[in-house]
Amino acid sequence: INVGGGTLLLGNNNRLADGATVALATGTVDFGNFSDTITTFNQSGGTFTNGTLTATTYGLSGGTVGGTLSGGTANVTGGVTLSGVINSTINVTNSGTLTNTGTAFFIDGMETVSLNSMRLDGNGTALDAEDVTMLVLHDLTVQNSTGVAADLTNVQGLVVVNSLFQDNAGQNIRAEFAAQQAYTYTLQNSFFLNKTTDS
């Protein structure tokens, strides 16, 4: 199913074939607060909104995700605006970006999340992760956040490599860690830098 303009509007749950591939380039895929399961969802532009989509693979290279993506693996390879929820295993590669004026990136209850070659710039709380088994941050830049740069709660395994947290506000907190028990975090070749001036 190729959506190149206009609106694809679901009228009920499970209207698309389970083996379907949906490609959204322009226009809108509106689930009308319903849910459906397909195999592949590719978005290079346009808007997905109002409902829950479950797929095996999501290829996100542009546009706005305003609904909920659930399950499977989401590969972010371009500039994507997130105003909804991605509840999937997420790989951000090839300088992919997720932009939001609130929390740029919220992860809750996931097994493994890997963010690679990603920049979060000028958001509220840049990265908020809760109850994650393993979080890998590789070549991640977080700067100019108005809130906490990274707020991690009960992240059981954390690896931070070649990453930069710089010039973030939120009471000058570059990263905040809270856990119900002791976990092991690995920080390698990364920098947590203070603001040069405070306001």
C-alpha atoms as a PDB file:
ATOM      1  CA  ILE A   1       0.000   0.000   0.000  1.00  0.00           C
ATOM      2  CA  ASN A   2       1.593   3.278  -1.142  1.00  0.00           C
ATOM      3  CA  VAL A   3       0.330   6.541   0.353  1.00  0.00           C
ATOM      4  CA  GLY A   4       1.574   9.472  -1.720  1.00  0.00           C
ATOM      5  CA  GLY A   5      -1.002  12.086  -0.780  1.00  0.00           C
ATOM      6  CA  GLY A   6      -4.450  12.449   0.732  1.00  0.00           C
ATOM      7  CA  THR A   7      -5.549  10.396   3.737  1.00  0.00           C
ATOM      8  CA  LEU A   8      -5.766   6.673   4.354  1.00  0.00           C
ATOM      9  CA  LEU A   9      -8.361   6.426   7.143  1.00  0.00           C
ATOM     10  CA  LEU A  10      -9.168   3.209   8.983  1.00  0.00           C
ATOM     11  CA  GLY A  11     -12.815   2.656   9.865  1.00  0.00           C
ATOM     12  CA  ASN A  12     -12.263  -0.209  12.276  1.00  0.00           C
ATOM     13  CA  ASN A  13      -9.653  -2.505  13.758  1.00  0.00           C
ATOM     14  CA  ASN A  14      -7.725  -4.954  11.570  1.00  0.00           C
ATOM     15  CA  ARG A  15      -8.620  -3.575   8.147  1.00  0.00           C
ATOM     16  CA  LEU A  16      -5.176  -4.210   6.627  1.00  0.00           C
ATOM     17  CA  ALA A  17      -3.756  -7.629   5.760  1.00  0.00           C
ATOM     18  CA  ASP A  18      -1.272  -9.001   8.288  1.00  0.00           C
ATOM     19  CA  GLY A  19       1.322  -9.446   5.533  1.00  0.00           C
ATOM     20  CA  ALA A  20       0.898  -5.922   4.142  1.00  0.00           C
ATOM     21  CA  THR A  21       3.607  -3.327   3.589  1.00  0.00           C
ATOM     22  CA  VAL A  22       2.554   0.313   3.977  1.00  0.00           C
ATOM     23  CA  ALA A  23       4.784   3.035   2.499  1.00  0.00           C
ATOM     24  CA  LEU A  24       3.939   6.616   3.550  1.00  0.00           C
ATOM     25  CA  ALA A  25       5.641   9.347   1.512  1.00  0.00           C
ATOM     26  CA  THR A  26       3.225  12.284   1.754  1.00  0.00           C
ATOM     27  CA  GLY A  27      -0.281  12.734   3.107  1.00  0.00           C
ATOM     28  CA  THR A  28      -1.683  11.023   6.203  1.00  0.00           C
ATOM     29  CA  VAL A  29      -2.258   7.544   7.537  1.00  0.00           C
ATOM     30  CA  ASP A  30      -5.000   8.040  10.134  1.00  0.00           C
ATOM     31  CA  PHE A  31      -5.932   4.983  12.197  1.00  0.00           C
ATOM     32  CA  GLY A  32      -8.969   6.742  13.674  1.00  0.00           C
ATOM     33  CA  ASN A  33      -8.054   5.523  17.179  1.00  0.00           C
ATOM     34  CA  PHE A  34      -8.175   1.914  15.970  1.00  0.00           C
ATOM     35  CA  SER A  35      -5.355  -0.649  15.812  1.00  0.00           C
ATOM     36  CA  ASP A  36      -3.956  -2.913  13.121  1.00  0.00           C
ATOM     37  CA  THR A  37      -1.109  -5.345  12.499  1.00  0.00           C
ATOM     38  CA  ILE A  38       0.988  -5.501   9.330  1.00  0.00           C
ATOM     39  CA  THR A  39       4.467  -6.705   8.406  1.00  0.00           C
ATOM     40  CA  THR A  40       6.328  -3.546   7.311  1.00  0.00           C
ATOM     41  CA  PHE A  41       5.744   0.188   7.699  1.00  0.00           C
ATOM     42  CA  ASN A  42       8.040   2.593   5.843  1.00  0.00           C
ATOM     43  CA  GLN A  43       7.679   6.341   6.356  1.00  0.00           C
ATOM     44  CA  SER A  44       9.701   8.918   4.430  1.00  0.00           C
ATOM     45  CA  GLY A  45       7.276  11.823   4.944  1.00  0.00           C
ATOM     46  CA  GLY A  46       3.685  12.648   5.828  1.00  0.00           C
ATOM     47  CA  THR A  47       1.989  11.851   9.130  1.00  0.00           C
ATOM     48  CA  PHE A  48       0.947   8.683  10.905  1.00  0.00           C
ATOM     49  CA  THR A  49      -1.615   9.482  13.593  1.00  0.00           C
ATOM     50  CA  ASN A  50      -4.488   8.410  15.867  1.00  0.00           C
ATOM     51  CA  GLY A  51      -4.101   4.761  16.705  1.00  0.00           C
ATOM     52  CA  THR A  52      -1.766   1.833  17.252  1.00  0.00           C
ATOM     53  CA  LEU A  53       0.213   0.150  14.491  1.00  0.00           C
ATOM     54  CA  THR A  54       1.986  -3.138  15.179  1.00  0.00           C
ATOM     55  CA  ALA A  55       4.568  -4.247  12.628  1.00  0.00           C
ATOM     56  CA  THR A  56       7.650  -6.415  12.417  1.00  0.00           C
ATOM     57  CA  THR A  57       9.782  -3.638  10.927  1.00  0.00           C
ATOM     58  CA  TYR A  58       9.466   0.156  10.748  1.00  0.00           C
ATOM     59  CA  GLY A  59      11.690   2.145   8.394  1.00  0.00           C
ATOM     60  CA  LEU A  60      11.518   5.793   9.487  1.00  0.00           C
ATOM     61  CA  SER A  61      13.388   8.365   7.420  1.00  0.00           C
ATOM     62  CA  GLY A  62      11.074  11.400   7.562  1.00  0.00           C
ATOM     63  CA  GLY A  63       7.673  12.783   8.496  1.00  0.00           C
ATOM     64  CA  THR A  64       5.790  12.776  11.789  1.00  0.00           C
ATOM     65  CA  VAL A  65       4.875   9.840  14.003  1.00  0.00           C
ATOM     66  CA  GLY A  66       1.821  10.984  15.947  1.00  0.00           C
ATOM     67  CA  GLY A  67       0.270   7.637  16.805  1.00  0.00           C
ATOM     68  CA  THR A  68       1.720   4.588  18.545  1.00  0.00           C
ATOM     69  CA  LEU A  69       4.150   2.150  16.963  1.00  0.00           C
ATOM     70  CA  SER A  70       4.147  -1.082  18.950  1.00  0.00           C
ATOM     71  CA  GLY A  71       6.407  -4.120  18.791  1.00  0.00           C
ATOM     72  CA  GLY A  72       8.989  -5.052  16.194  1.00  0.00           C
ATOM     73  CA  THR A  73      12.035  -2.964  15.329  1.00  0.00           C
ATOM     74  CA  ALA A  74      12.043   0.721  14.359  1.00  0.00           C
ATOM     75  CA  ASN A  75      15.010   1.849  12.252  1.00  0.00           C
ATOM     76  CA  VAL A  76      15.369   5.654  12.216  1.00  0.00           C
ATOM     77  CA  THR A  77      17.632   6.836   9.392  1.00  0.00           C
ATOM     78  CA  GLY A  78      16.454  10.417   8.783  1.00  0.00           C
ATOM     79  CA  GLY A  79      14.771  13.410  10.389  1.00  0.00           C
ATOM     80  CA  VAL A  80      11.599  12.216  12.133  1.00  0.00           C
ATOM     81  CA  THR A  81       9.285  14.255  14.367  1.00  0.00           C
ATOM     82  CA  LEU A  82       7.891  12.223  17.246  1.00  0.00           C
ATOM     83  CA  SER A  83       4.688  13.491  18.837  1.00  0.00           C
ATOM     84  CA  GLY A  84       3.331  10.029  19.585  1.00  0.00           C
ATOM     85  CA  VAL A  85       4.884   6.882  21.050  1.00  0.00           C
ATOM     86  CA  ILE A  86       7.379   4.351  19.721  1.00  0.00           C
ATOM     87  CA  ASN A  87       7.097   1.214  21.841  1.00  0.00           C
ATOM     88  CA  SER A  88       9.502  -0.907  19.813  1.00  0.00           C
ATOM     89  CA  THR A  89      13.156  -1.871  19.711  1.00  0.00           C
ATOM     90  CA  ILE A  90      14.702   1.300  18.261  1.00  0.00           C
ATOM     91  CA  ASN A  91      17.850   1.703  16.172  1.00  0.00           C
ATOM     92  CA  VAL A  92      18.848   5.264  15.243  1.00  0.00           C
ATOM     93  CA  THR A  93      21.600   5.210  12.625  1.00  0.00           C
ATOM     94  CA  ASN A  94      23.100   7.212   9.749  1.00  0.00           C
ATOM     95  CA  SER A  95      22.680  10.526  11.604  1.00  0.00           C
ATOM     96  CA  GLY A  96      18.981   9.934  12.135  1.00  0.00           C
ATOM     97  CA  THR A  97      17.182  12.444  14.380  1.00  0.00           C
ATOM     98  CA  LEU A  98      14.002  12.424  16.452  1.00  0.00           C
ATOM     99  CA  THR A  99      12.672  15.897  17.284  1.00  0.00           C
ATOM    100  CA  ASN A 100      10.102  16.902  19.873  1.00  0.00           C
ATOM    101  CA  THR A 101       9.560  20.182  21.738  1.00  0.00           C
ATOM    102  CA  GLY A 102       8.848  18.226  24.930  1.00  0.00           C
ATOM    103  CA  THR A 103      10.724  15.065  25.807  1.00  0.00           C
ATOM    104  CA  ALA A 104      12.655  14.285  22.669  1.00  0.00           C
ATOM    105  CA  PHE A 105      12.967  10.573  23.290  1.00  0.00           C
ATOM    106  CA  PHE A 106      10.919   8.572  25.812  1.00  0.00           C
ATOM    107  CA  ILE A 107      11.576   4.865  26.308  1.00  0.00           C
ATOM    108  CA  ASP A 108       9.519   2.799  28.733  1.00  0.00           C
ATOM    109  CA  GLY A 109       9.598  -0.912  29.509  1.00  0.00           C
ATOM    110  CA  MET A 110      11.794  -2.011  26.616  1.00  0.00           C
ATOM    111  CA  GLU A 111      14.259  -4.877  26.437  1.00  0.00           C
ATOM    112  CA  THR A 112      17.074  -3.419  24.289  1.00  0.00           C
ATOM    113  CA  VAL A 113      17.396   0.069  22.806  1.00  0.00           C
ATOM    114  CA  SER A 114      20.405   1.207  20.760  1.00  0.00           C
ATOM    115  CA  LEU A 115      20.863   4.856  19.725  1.00  0.00           C
ATOM    116  CA  ASN A 116      23.713   5.327  17.251  1.00  0.00           C
ATOM    117  CA  SER A 117      25.035   8.494  15.529  1.00  0.00           C
ATOM    118  CA  MET A 118      22.184  10.594  16.861  1.00  0.00           C
ATOM    119  CA  ARG A 119      21.860  14.259  17.860  1.00  0.00           C
ATOM    120  CA  LEU A 120      19.256  15.634  20.294  1.00  0.00           C
ATOM    121  CA  ASP A 121      19.382  19.428  20.203  1.00  0.00           C
ATOM    122  CA  GLY A 122      17.125  22.013  21.813  1.00  0.00           C
ATOM    123  CA  ASN A 123      14.492  19.749  23.385  1.00  0.00           C
ATOM    124  CA  GLY A 124      12.999  19.699  26.879  1.00  0.00           C
ATOM    125  CA  THR A 125      14.255  16.552  28.559  1.00  0.00           C
ATOM    126  CA  ALA A 126      16.356  15.082  25.785  1.00  0.00           C
ATOM    127  CA  LEU A 127      16.314  11.416  26.786  1.00  0.00           C
ATOM    128  CA  ASP A 128      13.938   9.827  29.311  1.00  0.00           C
ATOM    129  CA  ALA A 129      14.320   6.071  29.803  1.00  0.00           C
ATOM    130  CA  GLU A 130      12.466   3.995  32.386  1.00  0.00           C
ATOM    131  CA  ASP A 131      12.555   0.259  33.145  1.00  0.00           C
ATOM    132  CA  VAL A 132      14.870  -0.661  30.266  1.00  0.00           C
ATOM    133  CA  THR A 133      16.940  -3.841  30.334  1.00  0.00           C
ATOM    134  CA  MET A 134      19.815  -2.566  28.144  1.00  0.00           C
ATOM    135  CA  LEU A 135      20.425   0.924  26.753  1.00  0.00           C
ATOM    136  CA  VAL A 136      23.336   1.544  24.372  1.00  0.00           C
ATOM    137  CA  LEU A 137      24.297   5.133  23.459  1.00  0.00           C
ATOM    138  CA  HIS A 138      26.976   5.313  20.774  1.00  0.00           C
ATOM    139  CA  ASP A 139      28.093   8.566  19.132  1.00  0.00           C
ATOM    140  CA  LEU A 140      25.212  10.435  20.777  1.00  0.00           C
ATOM    141  CA  THR A 141      25.216  14.232  21.138  1.00  0.00           C
ATOM    142  CA  VAL A 142      22.804  15.872  23.590  1.00  0.00           C
ATOM    143  CA  GLN A 143      22.997  19.649  23.848  1.00  0.00           C
ATOM    144  CA  ASN A 144      20.925  22.761  24.530  1.00  0.00           C
ATOM    145  CA  SER A 145      18.175  20.872  26.377  1.00  0.00           C
ATOM    146  CA  THR A 146      16.026  23.075  28.622  1.00  0.00           C
ATOM    147  CA  GLY A 147      15.538  20.183  31.062  1.00  0.00           C
ATOM    148  CA  VAL A 148      17.626  17.209  32.142  1.00  0.00           C
ATOM    149  CA  ALA A 149      19.850  15.948  29.352  1.00  0.00           C
ATOM    150  CA  ALA A 150      19.359  12.278  30.221  1.00  0.00           C
ATOM    151  CA  ASP A 151      16.920  11.047  32.864  1.00  0.00           C
ATOM    152  CA  LEU A 152      17.420   7.300  33.370  1.00  0.00           C
ATOM    153  CA  THR A 153      15.324   5.360  35.884  1.00  0.00           C
ATOM    154  CA  ASN A 154      15.859   1.633  36.493  1.00  0.00           C
ATOM    155  CA  VAL A 155      17.967   1.152  33.390  1.00  0.00           C
ATOM    156  CA  GLN A 156      19.600  -2.168  34.236  1.00  0.00           C
ATOM    157  CA  GLY A 157      22.434  -2.036  31.717  1.00  0.00           C
ATOM    158  CA  LEU A 158      23.908   1.137  30.216  1.00  0.00           C
ATOM    159  CA  VAL A 159      26.791   1.555  27.783  1.00  0.00           C
ATOM    160  CA  VAL A 160      27.796   5.095  26.716  1.00  0.00           C
ATOM    161  CA  VAL A 161      30.549   5.323  24.091  1.00  0.00           C
ATOM    162  CA  ASN A 162      31.938   8.353  22.189  1.00  0.00           C
ATOM    163  CA  SER A 163      29.074  10.577  23.350  1.00  0.00           C
ATOM    164  CA  LEU A 164      28.764  14.235  24.369  1.00  0.00           C
ATOM    165  CA  PHE A 165      26.364  15.853  26.860  1.00  0.00           C
ATOM    166  CA  GLN A 166      26.910  19.621  26.705  1.00  0.00           C
ATOM    167  CA  ASP A 167      25.286  22.971  27.539  1.00  0.00           C
ATOM    168  CA  ASN A 168      22.100  21.537  29.003  1.00  0.00           C
ATOM    169  CA  ALA A 169      19.998  23.349  31.604  1.00  0.00           C
ATOM    170  CA  GLY A 170      17.770  21.569  34.107  1.00  0.00           C
ATOM    171  CA  GLN A 171      19.784  22.726  37.136  1.00  0.00           C
ATOM    172  CA  ASN A 172      22.946  21.925  35.177  1.00  0.00           C
ATOM    173  CA  ILE A 173      22.253  18.181  35.236  1.00  0.00           C
ATOM    174  CA  ARG A 174      23.918  16.427  32.329  1.00  0.00           C
ATOM    175  CA  ALA A 175      22.600  13.004  33.304  1.00  0.00           C
ATOM    176  CA  GLU A 176      20.487  11.773  36.186  1.00  0.00           C
ATOM    177  CA  PHE A 177      20.475   8.136  37.260  1.00  0.00           C
ATOM    178  CA  ALA A 178      17.921   6.610  39.624  1.00  0.00           C
ATOM    179  CA  ALA A 179      17.685   2.898  40.400  1.00  0.00           C
ATOM    180  CA  GLN A 180      15.951   0.631  42.897  1.00  0.00           C
ATOM    181  CA  GLN A 181      19.144  -1.428  43.138  1.00  0.00           C
ATOM    182  CA  ALA A 182      22.754  -1.248  41.992  1.00  0.00           C
ATOM    183  CA  TYR A 183      23.322  -1.738  38.262  1.00  0.00           C
ATOM    184  CA  THR A 184      26.448  -1.710  36.116  1.00  0.00           C
ATOM    185  CA  TYR A 185      27.008   1.266  33.789  1.00  0.00           C
ATOM    186  CA  THR A 186      29.901   1.566  31.355  1.00  0.00           C
ATOM    187  CA  LEU A 187      31.023   5.041  30.230  1.00  0.00           C
ATOM    188  CA  GLN A 188      33.799   5.145  27.651  1.00  0.00           C
ATOM    189  CA  ASN A 189      35.379   8.126  25.886  1.00  0.00           C
ATOM    190  CA  SER A 190      32.394  10.378  26.646  1.00  0.00           C
ATOM    191  CA  PHE A 191      32.076  13.925  27.975  1.00  0.00           C
ATOM    192  CA  PHE A 192      29.605  15.535  30.407  1.00  0.00           C
ATOM    193  CA  LEU A 193      30.321  19.276  30.189  1.00  0.00           C
ATOM    194  CA  ASN A 194      28.929  22.181  32.236  1.00  0.00           C
ATOM    195  CA  LYS A 195      27.325  25.260  30.806  1.00  0.00           C
ATOM    196  CA  THR A 196      29.737  28.164  30.426  1.00  0.00           C
ATOM    197  CA  THR A 197      27.146  30.531  31.881  1.00  0.00           C
ATOM    198  CA  ASP A 198      24.054  29.972  34.058  1.00  0.00           C
ATOM    199  CA  SER A 199      20.777  31.851  34.027  1.00  0.00           C
END
